[in-house]
Amino acid sequence: MARFNVRNAHINSTRTGYMERISVPKKASQRSDWHPADIVAALRKAGWTVRALAIHYDIAPTGLSRAMRESSPAGERRIAKALNLHPKTIWPSRYHADGSRKLQGIHAIQSTRDLRGRNGNTAAQV
């Protein structure tokens, strides 16, 4: 019988004492994105390596590797183009249903100034 410990949710121990690591995505939205290893495998099937693709675009390989883990529009487009896919197919959590990019990081935070009209106030009233 496995024990679940809230403090160490990423570790699952059994009565025999052996430890098994369980990889759980930090956010629910990341579950739908392709795993970086799957992206690398797809690139290899398409005849590319991350390094070869980086050389083709005259950029550092770390730029493409970073795009697999975090938001990088240019890197995402380059990887998707090599796979003949839309970036939304590989990273659905980063794109709206219509294919437009979702705002990421600090750009996704709306200021209270942007929300004034939603509270029934207009710019003239404030």
C-alpha atoms as a PDB file:
ATOM      1  CA  MET A   1       0.000   0.000   0.000  1.00  0.00           C
ATOM      2  CA  ALA A   2       1.441   3.368  -0.970  1.00  0.00           C
ATOM      3  CA  ARG A   3       1.586   6.239   1.487  1.00  0.00           C
ATOM      4  CA  PHE A   4       0.829   9.760   0.435  1.00  0.00           C
ATOM      5  CA  ASN A   5       2.539  12.558   2.285  1.00  0.00           C
ATOM      6  CA  VAL A   6       1.285  16.070   1.581  1.00  0.00           C
ATOM      7  CA  ARG A   7       4.672  17.642   2.365  1.00  0.00           C
ATOM      8  CA  ASN A   8       6.466  15.366  -0.092  1.00  0.00           C
ATOM      9  CA  ALA A   9       3.802  14.848  -2.743  1.00  0.00           C
ATOM     10  CA  HIS A  10       6.444  14.131  -5.373  1.00  0.00           C
ATOM     11  CA  ILE A  11       7.700  11.043  -3.493  1.00  0.00           C
ATOM     12  CA  ASN A  12       5.728   7.827  -3.086  1.00  0.00           C
ATOM     13  CA  SER A  13       7.030   5.273  -0.587  1.00  0.00           C
ATOM     14  CA  THR A  14       5.850   1.731  -0.003  1.00  0.00           C
ATOM     15  CA  ARG A  15       6.051  -0.563   3.005  1.00  0.00           C
ATOM     16  CA  THR A  16       9.174  -2.162   1.573  1.00  0.00           C
ATOM     17  CA  GLY A  17      10.876   1.188   1.950  1.00  0.00           C
ATOM     18  CA  TYR A  18      11.901   1.822  -1.641  1.00  0.00           C
ATOM     19  CA  MET A  19      11.253   5.283  -3.016  1.00  0.00           C
ATOM     20  CA  GLU A  20       9.712   6.050  -6.368  1.00  0.00           C
ATOM     21  CA  ARG A  21       9.735   9.556  -7.801  1.00  0.00           C
ATOM     22  CA  ILE A  22       6.519  10.754  -9.335  1.00  0.00           C
ATOM     23  CA  SER A  23       6.696  13.657 -11.741  1.00  0.00           C
ATOM     24  CA  VAL A  24       3.674  15.920 -11.384  1.00  0.00           C
ATOM     25  CA  PRO A  25       3.358  19.076 -13.517  1.00  0.00           C
ATOM     26  CA  LYS A  26       3.362  22.309 -11.514  1.00  0.00           C
ATOM     27  CA  LYS A  27       0.272  23.612 -13.285  1.00  0.00           C
ATOM     28  CA  ALA A  28      -2.696  21.769 -14.725  1.00  0.00           C
ATOM     29  CA  SER A  29      -2.196  23.616 -18.032  1.00  0.00           C
ATOM     30  CA  GLN A  30       1.272  22.100 -18.446  1.00  0.00           C
ATOM     31  CA  ARG A  31      -0.230  18.600 -18.636  1.00  0.00           C
ATOM     32  CA  SER A  32      -1.532  19.308 -22.125  1.00  0.00           C
ATOM     33  CA  ASP A  33       1.789  20.644 -23.463  1.00  0.00           C
ATOM     34  CA  TRP A  34       4.212  18.243 -25.125  1.00  0.00           C
ATOM     35  CA  HIS A  35       7.045  17.040 -22.918  1.00  0.00           C
ATOM     36  CA  PRO A  36      10.464  18.380 -24.042  1.00  0.00           C
ATOM     37  CA  ALA A  37      11.649  14.806 -24.702  1.00  0.00           C
ATOM     38  CA  ASP A  38       8.668  14.292 -27.025  1.00  0.00           C
ATOM     39  CA  ILE A  39       9.562  17.481 -28.896  1.00  0.00           C
ATOM     40  CA  VAL A  40      13.184  16.342 -29.284  1.00  0.00           C
ATOM     41  CA  ALA A  41      11.983  12.927 -30.513  1.00  0.00           C
ATOM     42  CA  ALA A  42       9.636  14.559 -33.037  1.00  0.00           C
ATOM     43  CA  LEU A  43      12.472  16.795 -34.260  1.00  0.00           C
ATOM     44  CA  ARG A  44      14.694  13.743 -34.734  1.00  0.00           C
ATOM     45  CA  LYS A  45      11.951  11.954 -36.686  1.00  0.00           C
ATOM     46  CA  ALA A  46      11.698  15.038 -38.897  1.00  0.00           C
ATOM     47  CA  GLY A  47      15.457  14.914 -39.509  1.00  0.00           C
ATOM     48  CA  TRP A  48      16.494  17.671 -37.100  1.00  0.00           C
ATOM     49  CA  THR A  49      18.398  17.954 -33.854  1.00  0.00           C
ATOM     50  CA  VAL A  50      18.050  20.937 -31.544  1.00  0.00           C
ATOM     51  CA  ARG A  51      21.628  21.913 -32.377  1.00  0.00           C
ATOM     52  CA  ALA A  52      21.131  21.595 -36.152  1.00  0.00           C
ATOM     53  CA  LEU A  53      17.935  23.647 -35.985  1.00  0.00           C
ATOM     54  CA  ALA A  54      19.724  26.323 -33.942  1.00  0.00           C
ATOM     55  CA  ILE A  55      22.570  26.442 -36.465  1.00  0.00           C
ATOM     56  CA  HIS A  56      20.013  26.707 -39.295  1.00  0.00           C
ATOM     57  CA  TYR A  57      18.483  29.799 -37.641  1.00  0.00           C
ATOM     58  CA  ASP A  58      21.883  31.130 -36.483  1.00  0.00           C
ATOM     59  CA  ILE A  59      20.900  31.149 -32.798  1.00  0.00           C
ATOM     60  CA  ALA A  60      22.201  29.433 -29.667  1.00  0.00           C
ATOM     61  CA  PRO A  61      20.778  25.944 -28.982  1.00  0.00           C
ATOM     62  CA  THR A  62      19.785  27.106 -25.495  1.00  0.00           C
ATOM     63  CA  GLY A  63      17.255  29.461 -27.086  1.00  0.00           C
ATOM     64  CA  LEU A  64      15.357  26.532 -28.571  1.00  0.00           C
ATOM     65  CA  SER A  65      15.738  24.433 -25.424  1.00  0.00           C
ATOM     66  CA  ARG A  66      14.314  27.305 -23.381  1.00  0.00           C
ATOM     67  CA  ALA A  67      11.304  27.498 -25.704  1.00  0.00           C
ATOM     68  CA  MET A  68      10.456  23.911 -24.790  1.00  0.00           C
ATOM     69  CA  ARG A  69      10.182  24.825 -21.087  1.00  0.00           C
ATOM     70  CA  GLU A  70       8.983  28.426 -21.022  1.00  0.00           C
ATOM     71  CA  SER A  71       7.319  30.989 -23.246  1.00  0.00           C
ATOM     72  CA  SER A  72       9.468  32.027 -26.201  1.00  0.00           C
ATOM     73  CA  PRO A  73       7.382  32.960 -29.261  1.00  0.00           C
ATOM     74  CA  ALA A  74      10.252  32.969 -31.758  1.00  0.00           C
ATOM     75  CA  GLY A  75      11.650  29.651 -30.518  1.00  0.00           C
ATOM     76  CA  GLU A  76       8.195  28.079 -30.493  1.00  0.00           C
ATOM     77  CA  ARG A  77       7.591  29.171 -34.105  1.00  0.00           C
ATOM     78  CA  ARG A  78      10.954  27.768 -35.236  1.00  0.00           C
ATOM     79  CA  ILE A  79      10.390  24.391 -33.583  1.00  0.00           C
ATOM     80  CA  ALA A  80       6.816  24.173 -34.877  1.00  0.00           C
ATOM     81  CA  LYS A  81       7.919  25.086 -38.413  1.00  0.00           C
ATOM     82  CA  ALA A  82      10.515  22.285 -38.365  1.00  0.00           C
ATOM     83  CA  LEU A  83       7.728  19.868 -37.376  1.00  0.00           C
ATOM     84  CA  ASN A  84       5.209  21.338 -39.878  1.00  0.00           C
ATOM     85  CA  LEU A  85       2.821  22.107 -37.018  1.00  0.00           C
ATOM     86  CA  HIS A  86       1.256  25.189 -35.468  1.00  0.00           C
ATOM     87  CA  PRO A  87       2.850  26.089 -32.102  1.00  0.00           C
ATOM     88  CA  LYS A  88      -0.626  25.758 -30.545  1.00  0.00           C
ATOM     89  CA  THR A  89      -0.503  22.013 -31.260  1.00  0.00           C
ATOM     90  CA  ILE A  90       2.700  21.599 -29.228  1.00  0.00           C
ATOM     91  CA  TRP A  91       1.968  24.141 -26.453  1.00  0.00           C
ATOM     92  CA  PRO A  92      -1.838  24.487 -26.158  1.00  0.00           C
ATOM     93  CA  SER A  93      -1.534  26.155 -22.740  1.00  0.00           C
ATOM     94  CA  ARG A  94       0.271  29.110 -24.370  1.00  0.00           C
ATOM     95  CA  TYR A  95      -2.319  29.773 -27.108  1.00  0.00           C
ATOM     96  CA  HIS A  96      -6.019  30.604 -27.347  1.00  0.00           C
ATOM     97  CA  ALA A  97      -8.369  28.302 -29.275  1.00  0.00           C
ATOM     98  CA  ASP A  98      -8.158  30.614 -32.316  1.00  0.00           C
ATOM     99  CA  GLY A  99      -4.348  30.238 -32.413  1.00  0.00           C
ATOM    100  CA  SER A 100      -3.463  33.668 -31.006  1.00  0.00           C
ATOM    101  CA  ARG A 101      -0.939  33.812 -28.169  1.00  0.00           C
ATOM    102  CA  LYS A 102      -2.012  34.154 -24.580  1.00  0.00           C
ATOM    103  CA  LEU A 103      -0.271  36.864 -22.630  1.00  0.00           C
ATOM    104  CA  GLN A 104       2.475  35.429 -20.416  1.00  0.00           C
ATOM    105  CA  GLY A 105       4.126  36.583 -17.212  1.00  0.00           C
ATOM    106  CA  ILE A 106       3.824  40.221 -16.229  1.00  0.00           C
ATOM    107  CA  HIS A 107       1.957  41.020 -19.451  1.00  0.00           C
ATOM    108  CA  ALA A 108      -0.914  38.783 -18.321  1.00  0.00           C
ATOM    109  CA  ILE A 109      -1.474  40.883 -15.201  1.00  0.00           C
ATOM    110  CA  GLN A 110      -4.095  43.576 -15.697  1.00  0.00           C
ATOM    111  CA  SER A 111      -3.719  46.824 -13.854  1.00  0.00           C
ATOM    112  CA  THR A 112      -6.557  48.322 -11.846  1.00  0.00           C
ATOM    113  CA  ARG A 113      -6.639  51.143 -14.392  1.00  0.00           C
ATOM    114  CA  ASP A 114      -7.681  48.612 -17.058  1.00  0.00           C
ATOM    115  CA  LEU A 115     -10.437  47.293 -14.794  1.00  0.00           C
ATOM    116  CA  ARG A 116     -12.095  50.649 -13.978  1.00  0.00           C
ATOM    117  CA  GLY A 117     -14.715  50.368 -16.696  1.00  0.00           C
ATOM    118  CA  ARG A 118     -15.715  46.918 -15.516  1.00  0.00           C
ATOM    119  CA  ASN A 119     -16.779  48.277 -12.128  1.00  0.00           C
ATOM    120  CA  GLY A 120     -19.305  50.642 -13.675  1.00  0.00           C
ATOM    121  CA  ASN A 121     -16.908  53.585 -13.473  1.00  0.00           C
ATOM    122  CA  THR A 122     -15.790  55.519 -16.479  1.00  0.00           C
ATOM    123  CA  ALA A 123     -12.558  57.428 -16.855  1.00  0.00           C
ATOM    124  CA  ALA A 124     -14.418  60.727 -16.273  1.00  0.00           C
ATOM    125  CA  GLN A 125     -15.841  59.544 -12.945  1.00  0.00           C
ATOM    126  CA  VAL A 126     -12.506  58.494 -11.485  1.00  0.00           C
END
